[in-house]
Amino acid sequence: MNVIINIFPKKEVLNPETEAVKKSLSNLGFDNIEKLYLGKQITMTINEKSEKNVQKLASQMCEKLLVNSIIEDYKITILREN
């Protein structure tokens, strides 16, 4: 199954990169942006038939390696195969 993991800073964590991009966009005339979040996306295929197991495995990967849970949150999306 295909999995997409979106990782983004927690709302209460100051992210200088996000602020720099938002300021630069404003300087370019895009000053109507209310909220901007920069993060990262990981895509993978897990060789598993059970969606429940895929969710569990992806969560374990996030908790053990992929996400710094002190400053980051994540969302896992499983793409169902047709």
N, C-alpha and C. Protein backbone atom coordinates (compact mmCIF):
# COMPACT_ATOMS: atom_id res chain seq x y z
N MET A 1 0.83 -1.18 0.00
CA MET A 1 0.00 0.00 0.00
C MET A 1 0.87 1.24 0.00
N ASN A 2 0.40 2.27 -0.67
CA ASN A 2 1.12 3.53 -0.72
C ASN A 2 0.76 4.38 0.49
N VAL A 3 1.78 5.00 1.06
CA VAL A 3 1.61 5.79 2.26
C VAL A 3 2.24 7.15 2.05
N ILE A 4 1.56 8.19 2.51
CA ILE A 4 2.11 9.54 2.50
C ILE A 4 2.14 10.02 3.95
N ILE A 5 3.30 10.47 4.39
CA ILE A 5 3.45 11.01 5.73
C ILE A 5 3.81 12.47 5.60
N ASN A 6 2.94 13.34 6.10
CA ASN A 6 3.21 14.77 6.11
C ASN A 6 3.68 15.15 7.51
N ILE A 7 4.84 15.79 7.58
CA ILE A 7 5.44 16.19 8.85
C ILE A 7 5.53 17.71 8.86
N PHE A 8 5.08 18.31 9.95
CA PHE A 8 5.07 19.76 10.02
C PHE A 8 5.34 20.20 11.45
N PRO A 9 5.87 21.42 11.59
CA PRO A 9 6.17 21.91 12.95
C PRO A 9 4.89 22.07 13.77
N LYS A 10 4.99 21.81 15.06
CA LYS A 10 3.86 22.07 15.93
C LYS A 10 3.55 23.56 15.90
N LYS A 11 2.29 23.91 16.07
CA LYS A 11 1.86 25.29 15.95
C LYS A 11 2.56 26.21 16.94
N GLU A 12 2.88 25.69 18.12
CA GLU A 12 3.51 26.53 19.14
C GLU A 12 5.02 26.69 18.97
N VAL A 13 5.60 26.00 17.99
CA VAL A 13 7.04 26.06 17.76
C VAL A 13 7.35 27.12 16.71
N LEU A 14 8.24 28.03 17.06
CA LEU A 14 8.67 29.06 16.10
C LEU A 14 9.51 28.41 15.02
N ASN A 15 9.15 28.67 13.77
CA ASN A 15 9.86 28.09 12.63
C ASN A 15 10.43 29.23 11.79
N PRO A 16 11.70 29.55 11.94
CA PRO A 16 12.30 30.67 11.21
C PRO A 16 12.22 30.52 9.70
N GLU A 17 12.32 29.32 9.19
CA GLU A 17 12.24 29.10 7.75
C GLU A 17 10.86 29.50 7.21
N THR A 18 9.83 29.11 7.92
CA THR A 18 8.47 29.47 7.52
C THR A 18 8.29 30.98 7.53
N GLU A 19 8.77 31.63 8.58
CA GLU A 19 8.64 33.09 8.68
C GLU A 19 9.40 33.79 7.56
N ALA A 20 10.58 33.27 7.20
CA ALA A 20 11.37 33.87 6.11
C ALA A 20 10.65 33.74 4.77
N VAL A 21 10.06 32.59 4.52
CA VAL A 21 9.32 32.39 3.26
C VAL A 21 8.09 33.28 3.23
N LYS A 22 7.37 33.36 4.33
CA LYS A 22 6.17 34.21 4.39
C LYS A 22 6.54 35.67 4.15
N LYS A 23 7.63 36.13 4.76
CA LYS A 23 8.08 37.52 4.58
C LYS A 23 8.50 37.76 3.13
N SER A 24 9.21 36.82 2.54
CA SER A 24 9.66 36.96 1.15
C SER A 24 8.47 37.01 0.20
N LEU A 25 7.47 36.16 0.43
CA LEU A 25 6.27 36.19 -0.40
C LEU A 25 5.55 37.53 -0.28
N SER A 26 5.50 38.05 0.94
CA SER A 26 4.89 39.36 1.16
C SER A 26 5.66 40.44 0.41
N ASN A 27 6.98 40.37 0.44
CA ASN A 27 7.82 41.34 -0.28
C ASN A 27 7.61 41.27 -1.79
N LEU A 28 7.19 40.12 -2.27
CA LEU A 28 6.92 39.94 -3.70
C LEU A 28 5.49 40.32 -4.07
N GLY A 29 4.74 40.82 -3.10
CA GLY A 29 3.39 41.25 -3.37
C GLY A 29 2.31 40.26 -2.97
N PHE A 30 2.70 39.13 -2.45
CA PHE A 30 1.73 38.13 -1.99
C PHE A 30 1.47 38.35 -0.50
N ASP A 31 0.84 39.48 -0.19
CA ASP A 31 0.68 39.84 1.21
C ASP A 31 -0.68 39.46 1.79
N ASN A 32 -1.42 38.63 1.09
CA ASN A 32 -2.72 38.19 1.57
C ASN A 32 -2.67 36.80 2.21
N ILE A 33 -1.49 36.29 2.50
CA ILE A 33 -1.34 34.96 3.10
C ILE A 33 -1.54 35.10 4.61
N GLU A 34 -2.54 34.41 5.14
CA GLU A 34 -2.80 34.45 6.57
C GLU A 34 -1.94 33.44 7.32
N LYS A 35 -1.89 32.22 6.82
CA LYS A 35 -1.13 31.16 7.47
C LYS A 35 -0.28 30.44 6.44
N LEU A 36 0.91 30.07 6.85
CA LEU A 36 1.82 29.33 5.98
C LEU A 36 2.57 28.34 6.85
N TYR A 37 2.57 27.10 6.43
CA TYR A 37 3.30 26.06 7.15
C TYR A 37 4.22 25.35 6.18
N LEU A 38 5.47 25.27 6.53
CA LEU A 38 6.42 24.48 5.74
C LEU A 38 6.68 23.19 6.49
N GLY A 39 6.80 22.14 5.76
CA GLY A 39 7.07 20.85 6.38
C GLY A 39 7.78 19.96 5.38
N LYS A 40 7.64 18.68 5.60
CA LYS A 40 8.23 17.72 4.66
C LYS A 40 7.24 16.59 4.43
N GLN A 41 7.41 15.93 3.32
CA GLN A 41 6.52 14.84 2.96
C GLN A 41 7.36 13.62 2.60
N ILE A 42 6.95 12.49 3.14
CA ILE A 42 7.61 11.22 2.86
C ILE A 42 6.57 10.31 2.21
N THR A 43 6.94 9.73 1.08
CA THR A 43 6.05 8.76 0.43
C THR A 43 6.77 7.42 0.40
N MET A 44 6.00 6.37 0.60
CA MET A 44 6.58 5.03 0.57
C MET A 44 5.52 4.02 0.20
N THR A 45 5.97 2.86 -0.20
CA THR A 45 5.07 1.73 -0.43
C THR A 45 5.44 0.66 0.58
N ILE A 46 4.45 0.21 1.32
CA ILE A 46 4.66 -0.84 2.32
C ILE A 46 4.00 -2.11 1.79
N ASN A 47 4.77 -3.17 1.74
CA ASN A 47 4.29 -4.45 1.23
C ASN A 47 3.48 -5.14 2.32
N GLU A 48 2.22 -4.76 2.39
CA GLU A 48 1.31 -5.28 3.42
C GLU A 48 -0.11 -5.14 2.89
N LYS A 49 -0.95 -6.11 3.15
CA LYS A 49 -2.33 -6.09 2.64
C LYS A 49 -3.31 -5.39 3.58
N SER A 50 -3.05 -5.45 4.87
CA SER A 50 -3.96 -4.91 5.87
C SER A 50 -3.72 -3.41 6.08
N GLU A 51 -4.75 -2.61 5.87
CA GLU A 51 -4.63 -1.16 6.09
C GLU A 51 -4.30 -0.86 7.55
N LYS A 52 -4.86 -1.63 8.46
CA LYS A 52 -4.59 -1.46 9.89
C LYS A 52 -3.10 -1.67 10.19
N ASN A 53 -2.52 -2.71 9.59
CA ASN A 53 -1.09 -2.98 9.80
C ASN A 53 -0.21 -1.89 9.17
N VAL A 54 -0.62 -1.41 8.01
CA VAL A 54 0.13 -0.33 7.35
C VAL A 54 0.13 0.91 8.23
N GLN A 55 -1.03 1.26 8.76
CA GLN A 55 -1.14 2.41 9.66
C GLN A 55 -0.23 2.24 10.88
N LYS A 56 -0.26 1.05 11.45
CA LYS A 56 0.56 0.76 12.63
C LYS A 56 2.05 0.86 12.31
N LEU A 57 2.47 0.27 11.19
CA LEU A 57 3.87 0.32 10.81
C LEU A 57 4.34 1.76 10.54
N ALA A 58 3.52 2.52 9.82
CA ALA A 58 3.89 3.90 9.52
C ALA A 58 3.98 4.72 10.79
N SER A 59 3.08 4.51 11.72
CA SER A 59 3.12 5.22 13.00
C SER A 59 4.39 4.87 13.78
N GLN A 60 4.74 3.60 13.77
CA GLN A 60 5.97 3.18 14.46
C GLN A 60 7.20 3.83 13.83
N MET A 61 7.23 3.90 12.51
CA MET A 61 8.35 4.55 11.82
C MET A 61 8.46 6.01 12.22
N CYS A 62 7.32 6.68 12.29
CA CYS A 62 7.30 8.09 12.66
C CYS A 62 7.81 8.28 14.09
N GLU A 63 7.31 7.47 15.01
CA GLU A 63 7.67 7.61 16.41
C GLU A 63 9.13 7.25 16.69
N LYS A 64 9.65 6.28 15.94
CA LYS A 64 11.02 5.81 16.20
C LYS A 64 12.10 6.58 15.46
N LEU A 65 11.76 7.16 14.28
CA LEU A 65 12.83 7.77 13.48
C LEU A 65 12.43 9.02 12.72
N LEU A 66 11.31 9.00 12.05
CA LEU A 66 11.01 10.03 11.05
C LEU A 66 10.59 11.38 11.63
N VAL A 67 10.03 11.39 12.83
CA VAL A 67 9.45 12.61 13.39
C VAL A 67 10.10 12.93 14.73
N ASN A 68 10.46 14.20 14.92
CA ASN A 68 10.91 14.67 16.22
C ASN A 68 9.66 15.13 16.96
N SER A 69 9.09 14.25 17.78
CA SER A 69 7.79 14.50 18.39
C SER A 69 7.77 15.68 19.36
N ILE A 70 8.92 16.18 19.73
CA ILE A 70 8.98 17.35 20.61
C ILE A 70 8.56 18.60 19.85
N ILE A 71 8.96 18.70 18.59
CA ILE A 71 8.68 19.93 17.83
C ILE A 71 7.85 19.69 16.57
N GLU A 72 7.54 18.43 16.24
CA GLU A 72 6.83 18.14 15.00
C GLU A 72 5.59 17.28 15.25
N ASP A 73 4.60 17.49 14.41
CA ASP A 73 3.43 16.63 14.33
C ASP A 73 3.44 15.95 12.97
N TYR A 74 2.60 14.95 12.80
CA TYR A 74 2.54 14.27 11.50
C TYR A 74 1.14 13.76 11.23
N LYS A 75 0.90 13.53 9.96
CA LYS A 75 -0.37 12.94 9.52
C LYS A 75 -0.05 11.86 8.50
N ILE A 76 -0.62 10.71 8.69
CA ILE A 76 -0.42 9.58 7.79
C ILE A 76 -1.65 9.42 6.91
N THR A 77 -1.41 9.32 5.60
CA THR A 77 -2.50 9.07 4.65
C THR A 77 -2.17 7.79 3.90
N ILE A 78 -3.11 6.88 3.91
CA ILE A 78 -2.93 5.61 3.19
C ILE A 78 -3.77 5.68 1.92
N LEU A 79 -3.12 5.44 0.80
CA LEU A 79 -3.81 5.46 -0.48
C LEU A 79 -4.24 4.05 -0.81
N ARG A 80 -5.52 3.87 -0.92
CA ARG A 80 -6.05 2.54 -1.25
C ARG A 80 -5.82 2.23 -2.70
N GLU A 81 -5.37 1.03 -2.96
CA GLU A 81 -5.13 0.61 -4.34
C GLU A 81 -6.46 0.19 -4.96
N ASN A 82 -6.62 0.50 -6.22
CA ASN A 82 -7.86 0.15 -6.92
C ASN A 82 -7.83 -1.26 -7.44
